[in-house]
Amino acid sequence: MRALAVIVACMLATPVQASEELAKKHNCLACHTVDKKLVGPAYKEVAKKYAADKGAEAKLFEKVKNGGAGVWGPVPMPPNTTVPDADIHALVKWILSQK
């Protein structure tokens, strides 16, 4: 039973770490941090803003993929067209999971 609990804990921890690694890999952390505003909003702010929005994942996917402006201030977010869609989906889920 203990071994099963360890395996489950590792499986649950991996996506969070993997998503943080994806954020580093795709240079997201040049403009964002988890808990404070940098150039763009903190991921915790994004998660809070979209917490009650059932369409948040799709909206944020589009913003990350195609870029956007005006929601968080005057600095636009550039498009990320070279980032694989699967990575964007993983990043958006990770961002929305921030508390």
PDB file of N, CA and C in Angstrom:
ATOM      1  N   MET A   1       0.821  -1.202   0.000  1.00  0.00           N
ATOM      2  CA  MET A   1       0.000   0.000   0.000  1.00  0.00           C
ATOM      3  C   MET A   1       0.859   1.257   0.000  1.00  0.00           C
ATOM      4  N   ARG A   2       1.919   1.255   0.783  1.00  0.00           N
ATOM      5  CA  ARG A   2       2.790   2.428   0.857  1.00  0.00           C
ATOM      6  C   ARG A   2       3.423   2.703  -0.507  1.00  0.00           C
ATOM      7  N   ALA A   3       3.846   1.654  -1.200  1.00  0.00           N
ATOM      8  CA  ALA A   3       4.455   1.821  -2.517  1.00  0.00           C
ATOM      9  C   ALA A   3       3.452   2.438  -3.493  1.00  0.00           C
ATOM     10  N   LEU A   4       2.216   2.012  -3.423  1.00  0.00           N
ATOM     11  CA  LEU A   4       1.183   2.567  -4.290  1.00  0.00           C
ATOM     12  C   LEU A   4       0.988   4.055  -4.008  1.00  0.00           C
ATOM     13  N   ALA A   5       0.986   4.430  -2.753  1.00  0.00           N
ATOM     14  CA  ALA A   5       0.823   5.839  -2.383  1.00  0.00           C
ATOM     15  C   ALA A   5       1.979   6.678  -2.923  1.00  0.00           C
ATOM     16  N   VAL A   6       3.183   6.149  -2.883  1.00  0.00           N
ATOM     17  CA  VAL A   6       4.351   6.863  -3.406  1.00  0.00           C
ATOM     18  C   VAL A   6       4.235   7.024  -4.917  1.00  0.00           C
ATOM     19  N   ILE A   7       3.819   5.984  -5.598  1.00  0.00           N
ATOM     20  CA  ILE A   7       3.666   6.048  -7.053  1.00  0.00           C
ATOM     21  C   ILE A   7       2.616   7.082  -7.432  1.00  0.00           C
ATOM     22  N   VAL A   8       1.486   7.073  -6.756  1.00  0.00           N
ATOM     23  CA  VAL A   8       0.422   8.045  -7.037  1.00  0.00           C
ATOM     24  C   VAL A   8       0.923   9.459  -6.765  1.00  0.00           C
ATOM     25  N   ALA A   9       1.619   9.661  -5.678  1.00  0.00           N
ATOM     26  CA  ALA A   9       2.148  10.992  -5.353  1.00  0.00           C
ATOM     27  C   ALA A   9       3.110  11.472  -6.435  1.00  0.00           C
ATOM     28  N   CYS A  10       3.945  10.606  -6.930  1.00  0.00           N
ATOM     29  CA  CYS A  10       4.886  10.972  -7.995  1.00  0.00           C
ATOM     30  C   CYS A  10       4.147  11.306  -9.282  1.00  0.00           C
ATOM     31  N   MET A  11       3.131  10.543  -9.584  1.00  0.00           N
ATOM     32  CA  MET A  11       2.361  10.798 -10.798  1.00  0.00           C
ATOM     33  C   MET A  11       1.651  12.146 -10.722  1.00  0.00           C
ATOM     34  N   LEU A  12       1.159  12.487  -9.556  1.00  0.00           N
ATOM     35  CA  LEU A  12       0.465  13.757  -9.387  1.00  0.00           C
ATOM     36  C   LEU A  12       1.436  14.925  -9.413  1.00  0.00           C
ATOM     37  N   ALA A  13       2.636  14.735  -8.929  1.00  0.00           N
ATOM     38  CA  ALA A  13       3.624  15.809  -8.877  1.00  0.00           C
ATOM     39  C   ALA A  13       4.246  16.072 -10.237  1.00  0.00           C
ATOM     40  N   THR A  14       4.350  15.089 -11.068  1.00  0.00           N
ATOM     41  CA  THR A  14       5.044  15.221 -12.339  1.00  0.00           C
ATOM     42  C   THR A  14       4.457  16.288 -13.266  1.00  0.00           C
ATOM     43  N   PRO A  15       3.142  16.377 -13.479  1.00  0.00           N
ATOM     44  CA  PRO A  15       2.635  17.404 -14.383  1.00  0.00           C
ATOM     45  C   PRO A  15       2.988  18.820 -13.947  1.00  0.00           C
ATOM     46  N   VAL A  16       2.981  19.093 -12.653  1.00  0.00           N
ATOM     47  CA  VAL A  16       3.327  20.431 -12.175  1.00  0.00           C
ATOM     48  C   VAL A  16       4.770  20.734 -12.525  1.00  0.00           C
ATOM     49  N   GLN A  17       5.655  19.830 -12.208  1.00  0.00           N
ATOM     50  CA  GLN A  17       7.060  20.040 -12.515  1.00  0.00           C
ATOM     51  C   GLN A  17       7.256  20.117 -14.023  1.00  0.00           C
ATOM     52  N   ALA A  18       6.601  19.244 -14.755  1.00  0.00           N
ATOM     53  CA  ALA A  18       6.728  19.245 -16.205  1.00  0.00           C
ATOM     54  C   ALA A  18       6.252  20.568 -16.788  1.00  0.00           C
ATOM     55  N   SER A  19       5.173  21.112 -16.271  1.00  0.00           N
ATOM     56  CA  SER A  19       4.660  22.370 -16.789  1.00  0.00           C
ATOM     57  C   SER A  19       5.579  23.529 -16.461  1.00  0.00           C
ATOM     58  N   GLU A  20       6.175  23.514 -15.282  1.00  0.00           N
ATOM     59  CA  GLU A  20       7.146  24.554 -14.949  1.00  0.00           C
ATOM     60  C   GLU A  20       8.356  24.437 -15.877  1.00  0.00           C
ATOM     61  N   GLU A  21       8.751  23.224 -16.170  1.00  0.00           N
ATOM     62  CA  GLU A  21       9.851  23.010 -17.114  1.00  0.00           C
ATOM     63  C   GLU A  21       9.466  23.502 -18.511  1.00  0.00           C
ATOM     64  N   LEU A  22       8.217  23.280 -18.906  1.00  0.00           N
ATOM     65  CA  LEU A  22       7.754  23.796 -20.202  1.00  0.00           C
ATOM     66  C   LEU A  22       7.790  25.323 -20.222  1.00  0.00           C
ATOM     67  N   ALA A  23       7.411  25.953 -19.125  1.00  0.00           N
ATOM     68  CA  ALA A  23       7.450  27.412 -19.043  1.00  0.00           C
ATOM     69  C   ALA A  23       8.882  27.913 -19.212  1.00  0.00           C
ATOM     70  N   LYS A  24       9.823  27.214 -18.610  1.00  0.00           N
ATOM     71  CA  LYS A  24      11.238  27.582 -18.776  1.00  0.00           C
ATOM     72  C   LYS A  24      11.680  27.321 -20.214  1.00  0.00           C
ATOM     73  N   LYS A  25      11.349  26.161 -20.739  1.00  0.00           N
ATOM     74  CA  LYS A  25      11.760  25.764 -22.086  1.00  0.00           C
ATOM     75  C   LYS A  25      11.281  26.748 -23.150  1.00  0.00           C
ATOM     76  N   HIS A  26      10.056  27.213 -23.010  1.00  0.00           N
ATOM     77  CA  HIS A  26       9.469  28.095 -24.023  1.00  0.00           C
ATOM     78  C   HIS A  26       9.620  29.574 -23.671  1.00  0.00           C
ATOM     79  N   ASN A  27      10.443  29.878 -22.686  1.00  0.00           N
ATOM     80  CA  ASN A  27      10.808  31.245 -22.305  1.00  0.00           C
ATOM     81  C   ASN A  27       9.649  32.066 -21.742  1.00  0.00           C
ATOM     82  N   CYS A  28       8.637  31.407 -21.212  1.00  0.00           N
ATOM     83  CA  CYS A  28       7.494  32.104 -20.607  1.00  0.00           C
ATOM     84  C   CYS A  28       7.934  32.902 -19.373  1.00  0.00           C
ATOM     85  N   LEU A  29       8.926  32.373 -18.671  1.00  0.00           N
ATOM     86  CA  LEU A  29       9.345  32.996 -17.421  1.00  0.00           C
ATOM     87  C   LEU A  29      10.177  34.256 -17.638  1.00  0.00           C
ATOM     88  N   ALA A  30      10.416  34.617 -18.892  1.00  0.00           N
ATOM     89  CA  ALA A  30      11.061  35.900 -19.179  1.00  0.00           C
ATOM     90  C   ALA A  30      10.104  37.052 -18.884  1.00  0.00           C
ATOM     91  N   CYS A  31       8.812  36.788 -18.986  1.00  0.00           N
ATOM     92  CA  CYS A  31       7.803  37.836 -18.772  1.00  0.00           C
ATOM     93  C   CYS A  31       6.847  37.556 -17.616  1.00  0.00           C
ATOM     94  N   HIS A  32       6.769  36.308 -17.162  1.00  0.00           N
ATOM     95  CA  HIS A  32       5.820  35.919 -16.124  1.00  0.00           C
ATOM     96  C   HIS A  32       6.535  35.205 -14.979  1.00  0.00           C
ATOM     97  N   THR A  33       5.956  35.303 -13.797  1.00  0.00           N
ATOM     98  CA  THR A  33       6.366  34.480 -12.660  1.00  0.00           C
ATOM     99  C   THR A  33       5.095  33.858 -12.090  1.00  0.00           C
ATOM    100  N   VAL A  34       5.264  32.963 -11.164  1.00  0.00           N
ATOM    101  CA  VAL A  34       4.101  32.324 -10.548  1.00  0.00           C
ATOM    102  C   VAL A  34       3.357  33.292  -9.650  1.00  0.00           C
ATOM    103  N   ASP A  35       4.075  34.087  -8.867  1.00  0.00           N
ATOM    104  CA  ASP A  35       3.401  34.839  -7.808  1.00  0.00           C
ATOM    105  C   ASP A  35       3.568  36.354  -7.802  1.00  0.00           C
ATOM    106  N   LYS A  36       4.237  36.935  -8.807  1.00  0.00           N
ATOM    107  CA  LYS A  36       4.314  38.400  -8.845  1.00  0.00           C
ATOM    108  C   LYS A  36       4.365  38.885 -10.286  1.00  0.00           C
ATOM    109  N   LYS A  37       3.846  40.081 -10.489  1.00  0.00           N
ATOM    110  CA  LYS A  37       3.837  40.687 -11.824  1.00  0.00           C
ATOM    111  C   LYS A  37       5.274  40.963 -12.249  1.00  0.00           C
ATOM    112  N   LEU A  38       5.568  40.660 -13.487  1.00  0.00           N
ATOM    113  CA  LEU A  38       6.865  40.985 -14.062  1.00  0.00           C
ATOM    114  C   LEU A  38       6.545  41.896 -15.249  1.00  0.00           C
ATOM    115  N   VAL A  39       6.739  41.467 -16.452  1.00  0.00           N
ATOM    116  CA  VAL A  39       6.262  42.208 -17.618  1.00  0.00           C
ATOM    117  C   VAL A  39       4.770  41.923 -17.789  1.00  0.00           C
ATOM    118  N   GLY A  40       4.432  40.645 -17.670  1.00  0.00           N
ATOM    119  CA  GLY A  40       3.043  40.212 -17.729  1.00  0.00           C
ATOM    120  C   GLY A  40       2.557  39.845 -16.339  1.00  0.00           C
ATOM    121  N   PRO A  41       1.304  39.466 -16.235  1.00  0.00           N
ATOM    122  CA  PRO A  41       0.727  39.139 -14.927  1.00  0.00           C
ATOM    123  C   PRO A  41       1.323  37.862 -14.344  1.00  0.00           C
ATOM    124  N   ALA A  42       1.261  37.767 -13.023  1.00  0.00           N
ATOM    125  CA  ALA A  42       1.647  36.528 -12.340  1.00  0.00           C
ATOM    126  C   ALA A  42       0.641  35.443 -12.689  1.00  0.00           C
ATOM    127  N   TYR A  43       1.117  34.212 -12.764  1.00  0.00           N
ATOM    128  CA  TYR A  43       0.210  33.105 -13.081  1.00  0.00           C
ATOM    129  C   TYR A  43      -0.891  32.965 -12.043  1.00  0.00           C
ATOM    130  N   LYS A  44      -0.597  33.267 -10.792  1.00  0.00           N
ATOM    131  CA  LYS A  44      -1.638  33.207  -9.765  1.00  0.00           C
ATOM    132  C   LYS A  44      -2.731  34.239 -10.033  1.00  0.00           C
ATOM    133  N   GLU A  45      -2.357  35.419 -10.545  1.00  0.00           N
ATOM    134  CA  GLU A  45      -3.353  36.440 -10.894  1.00  0.00           C
ATOM    135  C   GLU A  45      -4.236  35.957 -12.036  1.00  0.00           C
ATOM    136  N   VAL A  46      -3.612  35.320 -13.015  1.00  0.00           N
ATOM    137  CA  VAL A  46      -4.360  34.800 -14.164  1.00  0.00           C
ATOM    138  C   VAL A  46      -5.356  33.745 -13.695  1.00  0.00           C
ATOM    139  N   ALA A  47      -4.873  32.821 -12.858  1.00  0.00           N
ATOM    140  CA  ALA A  47      -5.751  31.757 -12.343  1.00  0.00           C
ATOM    141  C   ALA A  47      -6.921  32.342 -11.565  1.00  0.00           C
ATOM    142  N   LYS A  48      -6.650  33.357 -10.764  1.00  0.00           N
ATOM    143  CA  LYS A  48      -7.717  33.989  -9.975  1.00  0.00           C
ATOM    144  C   LYS A  48      -8.732  34.682 -10.882  1.00  0.00           C
ATOM    145  N   LYS A  49      -8.240  35.411 -11.884  1.00  0.00           N
ATOM    146  CA  LYS A  49      -9.131  36.142 -12.789  1.00  0.00           C
ATOM    147  C   LYS A  49     -10.066  35.198 -13.545  1.00  0.00           C
ATOM    148  N   TYR A  50      -9.560  34.040 -13.927  1.00  0.00           N
ATOM    149  CA  TYR A  50     -10.336  33.119 -14.751  1.00  0.00           C
ATOM    150  C   TYR A  50     -10.933  31.948 -13.969  1.00  0.00           C
ATOM    151  N   ALA A  51     -10.878  31.990 -12.663  1.00  0.00           N
ATOM    152  CA  ALA A  51     -11.331  30.865 -11.831  1.00  0.00           C
ATOM    153  C   ALA A  51     -12.780  30.460 -12.100  1.00  0.00           C
ATOM    154  N   ALA A  52     -13.650  31.401 -12.317  1.00  0.00           N
ATOM    155  CA  ALA A  52     -15.072  31.086 -12.508  1.00  0.00           C
ATOM    156  C   ALA A  52     -15.468  30.980 -13.986  1.00  0.00           C
ATOM    157  N   ASP A  53     -14.510  31.124 -14.870  1.00  0.00           N
ATOM    158  CA  ASP A  53     -14.777  31.122 -16.305  1.00  0.00           C
ATOM    159  C   ASP A  53     -14.616  29.710 -16.860  1.00  0.00           C
ATOM    160  N   LYS A  54     -15.714  29.086 -17.231  1.00  0.00           N
ATOM    161  CA  LYS A  54     -15.671  27.710 -17.746  1.00  0.00           C
ATOM    162  C   LYS A  54     -14.959  27.614 -19.094  1.00  0.00           C
ATOM    163  N   GLY A  55     -14.873  28.696 -19.808  1.00  0.00           N
ATOM    164  CA  GLY A  55     -14.184  28.712 -21.097  1.00  0.00           C
ATOM    165  C   GLY A  55     -12.762  29.222 -21.026  1.00  0.00           C
ATOM    166  N   ALA A  56     -12.242  29.343 -19.807  1.00  0.00           N
ATOM    167  CA  ALA A  56     -10.918  29.936 -19.611  1.00  0.00           C
ATOM    168  C   ALA A  56      -9.814  29.189 -20.345  1.00  0.00           C
ATOM    169  N   GLU A  57      -9.862  27.881 -20.299  1.00  0.00           N
ATOM    170  CA  GLU A  57      -8.779  27.121 -20.918  1.00  0.00           C
ATOM    171  C   GLU A  57      -8.690  27.413 -22.421  1.00  0.00           C
ATOM    172  N   ALA A  58      -9.807  27.417 -23.097  1.00  0.00           N
ATOM    173  CA  ALA A  58      -9.819  27.700 -24.536  1.00  0.00           C
ATOM    174  C   ALA A  58      -9.397  29.146 -24.821  1.00  0.00           C
ATOM    175  N   LYS A  59      -9.876  30.088 -24.017  1.00  0.00           N
ATOM    176  CA  LYS A  59      -9.520  31.497 -24.205  1.00  0.00           C
ATOM    177  C   LYS A  59      -8.023  31.701 -24.035  1.00  0.00           C
ATOM    178  N   LEU A  60      -7.473  31.120 -22.969  1.00  0.00           N
ATOM    179  CA  LEU A  60      -6.055  31.308 -22.698  1.00  0.00           C
ATOM    180  C   LEU A  60      -5.192  30.588 -23.723  1.00  0.00           C
ATOM    181  N   PHE A  61      -5.645  29.442 -24.194  1.00  0.00           N
ATOM    182  CA  PHE A  61      -4.908  28.759 -25.263  1.00  0.00           C
ATOM    183  C   PHE A  61      -4.755  29.700 -26.454  1.00  0.00           C
ATOM    184  N   GLU A  62      -5.859  30.339 -26.853  1.00  0.00           N
ATOM    185  CA  GLU A  62      -5.824  31.258 -28.000  1.00  0.00           C
ATOM    186  C   GLU A  62      -4.910  32.452 -27.739  1.00  0.00           C
ATOM    187  N   LYS A  63      -4.952  32.987 -26.526  1.00  0.00           N
ATOM    188  CA  LYS A  63      -4.095  34.137 -26.192  1.00  0.00           C
ATOM    189  C   LYS A  63      -2.622  33.755 -26.230  1.00  0.00           C
ATOM    190  N   VAL A  64      -2.293  32.588 -25.705  1.00  0.00           N
ATOM    191  CA  VAL A  64      -0.899  32.151 -25.725  1.00  0.00           C
ATOM    192  C   VAL A  64      -0.454  31.889 -27.160  1.00  0.00           C
ATOM    193  N   LYS A  65      -1.264  31.209 -27.920  1.00  0.00           N
ATOM    194  CA  LYS A  65      -0.917  30.834 -29.295  1.00  0.00           C
ATOM    195  C   LYS A  65      -0.819  32.059 -30.211  1.00  0.00           C
ATOM    196  N   ASN A  66      -1.814  32.946 -30.145  1.00  0.00           N
ATOM    197  CA  ASN A  66      -1.917  34.052 -31.101  1.00  0.00           C
ATOM    198  C   ASN A  66      -1.489  35.405 -30.560  1.00  0.00           C
ATOM    199  N   GLY A  67      -1.202  35.484 -29.258  1.00  0.00           N
ATOM    200  CA  GLY A  67      -0.849  36.755 -28.643  1.00  0.00           C
ATOM    201  C   GLY A  67      -2.103  37.514 -28.232  1.00  0.00           C
ATOM    202  N   GLY A  68      -1.901  38.612 -27.565  1.00  0.00           N
ATOM    203  CA  GLY A  68      -3.040  39.410 -27.121  1.00  0.00           C
ATOM    204  C   GLY A  68      -2.575  40.707 -26.501  1.00  0.00           C
ATOM    205  N   ALA A  69      -3.520  41.595 -26.256  1.00  0.00           N
ATOM    206  CA  ALA A  69      -3.189  42.889 -25.654  1.00  0.00           C
ATOM    207  C   ALA A  69      -4.421  43.481 -24.989  1.00  0.00           C
ATOM    208  N   GLY A  70      -4.158  44.334 -24.001  1.00  0.00           N
ATOM    209  CA  GLY A  70      -5.216  45.113 -23.403  1.00  0.00           C
ATOM    210  C   GLY A  70      -5.874  44.545 -22.166  1.00  0.00           C
ATOM    211  N   VAL A  71      -5.735  43.265 -21.896  1.00  0.00           N
ATOM    212  CA  VAL A  71      -6.391  42.671 -20.733  1.00  0.00           C
ATOM    213  C   VAL A  71      -5.620  42.991 -19.455  1.00  0.00           C
ATOM    214  N   TRP A  72      -4.294  42.972 -19.530  1.00  0.00           N
ATOM    215  CA  TRP A  72      -3.447  43.165 -18.353  1.00  0.00           C
ATOM    216  C   TRP A  72      -2.629  44.445 -18.424  1.00  0.00           C
ATOM    217  N   GLY A  73      -2.955  45.317 -19.345  1.00  0.00           N
ATOM    218  CA  GLY A  73      -2.208  46.563 -19.489  1.00  0.00           C
ATOM    219  C   GLY A  73      -1.764  46.771 -20.923  1.00  0.00           C
ATOM    220  N   PRO A  74      -0.931  47.774 -21.150  1.00  0.00           N
ATOM    221  CA  PRO A  74      -0.584  48.158 -22.513  1.00  0.00           C
ATOM    222  C   PRO A  74       0.461  47.264 -23.207  1.00  0.00           C
ATOM    223  N   VAL A  75       1.196  46.465 -22.458  1.00  0.00           N
ATOM    224  CA  VAL A  75       2.235  45.644 -23.072  1.00  0.00           C
ATOM    225  C   VAL A  75       1.605  44.400 -23.694  1.00  0.00           C
ATOM    226  N   PRO A  76       1.739  44.236 -25.018  1.00  0.00           N
ATOM    227  CA  PRO A  76       1.128  43.079 -25.672  1.00  0.00           C
ATOM    228  C   PRO A  76       1.911  41.795 -25.414  1.00  0.00           C
ATOM    229  N   MET A  77       1.201  40.686 -25.435  1.00  0.00           N
ATOM    230  CA  MET A  77       1.845  39.382 -25.373  1.00  0.00           C
ATOM    231  C   MET A  77       2.045  38.934 -26.816  1.00  0.00           C
ATOM    232  N   PRO A  78       3.288  38.614 -27.179  1.00  0.00           N
ATOM    233  CA  PRO A  78       3.525  38.188 -28.560  1.00  0.00           C
ATOM    234  C   PRO A  78       2.948  36.803 -28.822  1.00  0.00           C
ATOM    235  N   PRO A  79       2.669  36.497 -30.070  1.00  0.00           N
ATOM    236  CA  PRO A  79       2.192  35.149 -30.397  1.00  0.00           C
ATOM    237  C   PRO A  79       3.280  34.108 -30.153  1.00  0.00           C
ATOM    238  N   ASN A  80       2.857  32.912 -29.865  1.00  0.00           N
ATOM    239  CA  ASN A  80       3.774  31.797 -29.614  1.00  0.00           C
ATOM    240  C   ASN A  80       3.467  30.670 -30.592  1.00  0.00           C
ATOM    241  N   THR A  81       3.557  30.977 -31.856  1.00  0.00           N
ATOM    242  CA  THR A  81       3.152  30.039 -32.900  1.00  0.00           C
ATOM    243  C   THR A  81       4.084  28.842 -33.057  1.00  0.00           C
ATOM    244  N   THR A  82       5.294  28.925 -32.514  1.00  0.00           N
ATOM    245  CA  THR A  82       6.229  27.799 -32.632  1.00  0.00           C
ATOM    246  C   THR A  82       6.113  26.813 -31.473  1.00  0.00           C
ATOM    247  N   VAL A  83       5.342  27.172 -30.450  1.00  0.00           N
ATOM    248  CA  VAL A  83       5.154  26.279 -29.302  1.00  0.00           C
ATOM    249  C   VAL A  83       4.108  25.231 -29.689  1.00  0.00           C
ATOM    250  N   PRO A  84       4.415  23.952 -29.517  1.00  0.00           N
ATOM    251  CA  PRO A  84       3.438  22.908 -29.855  1.00  0.00           C
ATOM    252  C   PRO A  84       2.131  23.078 -29.075  1.00  0.00           C
ATOM    253  N   ASP A  85       1.020  22.794 -29.739  1.00  0.00           N
ATOM    254  CA  ASP A  85      -0.295  22.935 -29.103  1.00  0.00           C
ATOM    255  C   ASP A  85      -0.390  22.130 -27.804  1.00  0.00           C
ATOM    256  N   ALA A  86       0.168  20.932 -27.790  1.00  0.00           N
ATOM    257  CA  ALA A  86       0.112  20.104 -26.575  1.00  0.00           C
ATOM    258  C   ALA A  86       0.825  20.796 -25.417  1.00  0.00           C
ATOM    259  N   ASP A  87       1.922  21.472 -25.703  1.00  0.00           N
ATOM    260  CA  ASP A  87       2.643  22.197 -24.656  1.00  0.00           C
ATOM    261  C   ASP A  87       1.826  23.390 -24.173  1.00  0.00           C
ATOM    262  N   ILE A  88       1.168  24.089 -25.084  1.00  0.00           N
ATOM    263  CA  ILE A  88       0.328  25.225 -24.682  1.00  0.00           C
ATOM    264  C   ILE A  88      -0.811  24.743 -23.797  1.00  0.00           C
ATOM    265  N   HIS A  89      -1.449  23.652 -24.176  1.00  0.00           N
ATOM    266  CA  HIS A  89      -2.534  23.108 -23.343  1.00  0.00           C
ATOM    267  C   HIS A  89      -2.014  22.760 -21.947  1.00  0.00           C
ATOM    268  N   ALA A  90      -0.865  22.118 -21.874  1.00  0.00           N
ATOM    269  CA  ALA A  90      -0.288  21.755 -20.573  1.00  0.00           C
ATOM    270  C   ALA A  90       0.038  22.998 -19.757  1.00  0.00           C
ATOM    271  N   LEU A  91       0.600  24.003 -20.393  1.00  0.00           N
ATOM    272  CA  LEU A  91       0.938  25.247 -19.690  1.00  0.00           C
ATOM    273  C   LEU A  91      -0.306  25.953 -19.179  1.00  0.00           C
ATOM    274  N   VAL A  92      -1.334  26.033 -20.001  1.00  0.00           N
ATOM    275  CA  VAL A  92      -2.573  26.705 -19.590  1.00  0.00           C
ATOM    276  C   VAL A  92      -3.209  25.978 -18.409  1.00  0.00           C
ATOM    277  N   LYS A  93      -3.258  24.659 -18.463  1.00  0.00           N
ATOM    278  CA  LYS A  93      -3.804  23.901 -17.323  1.00  0.00           C
ATOM    279  C   LYS A  93      -2.998  24.155 -16.066  1.00  0.00           C
ATOM    280  N   TRP A  94      -1.687  24.195 -16.201  1.00  0.00           N
ATOM    281  CA  TRP A  94      -0.816  24.445 -15.056  1.00  0.00           C
ATOM    282  C   TRP A  94      -1.061  25.850 -14.508  1.00  0.00           C
ATOM    283  N   ILE A  95      -1.150  26.833 -15.393  1.00  0.00           N
ATOM    284  CA  ILE A  95      -1.386  28.215 -14.949  1.00  0.00           C
ATOM    285  C   ILE A  95      -2.728  28.302 -14.216  1.00  0.00           C
ATOM    286  N   LEU A  96      -3.757  27.711 -14.768  1.00  0.00           N
ATOM    287  CA  LEU A  96      -5.083  27.767 -14.124  1.00  0.00           C
ATOM    288  C   LEU A  96      -5.135  26.996 -12.812  1.00  0.00           C
ATOM    289  N   SER A  97      -4.187  26.110 -12.574  1.00  0.00           N
ATOM    290  CA  SER A  97      -4.160  25.362 -11.323  1.00  0.00           C
ATOM    291  C   SER A  97      -3.478  26.110 -10.180  1.00  0.00           C
ATOM    292  N   GLN A  98      -2.883  27.250 -10.459  1.00  0.00           N
ATOM    293  CA  GLN A  98      -2.165  27.999  -9.428  1.00  0.00           C
ATOM    294  C   GLN A  98      -3.148  28.541  -8.402  1.00  0.00           C
ATOM    295  N   LYS A  99      -2.771  28.478  -7.158  1.00  0.00           N
ATOM    296  CA  LYS A  99      -3.620  28.971  -6.065  1.00  0.00           C
ATOM    297  C   LYS A  99      -2.945  30.122  -5.353  1.00  0.00           C
TER     298      LYS A  99
END
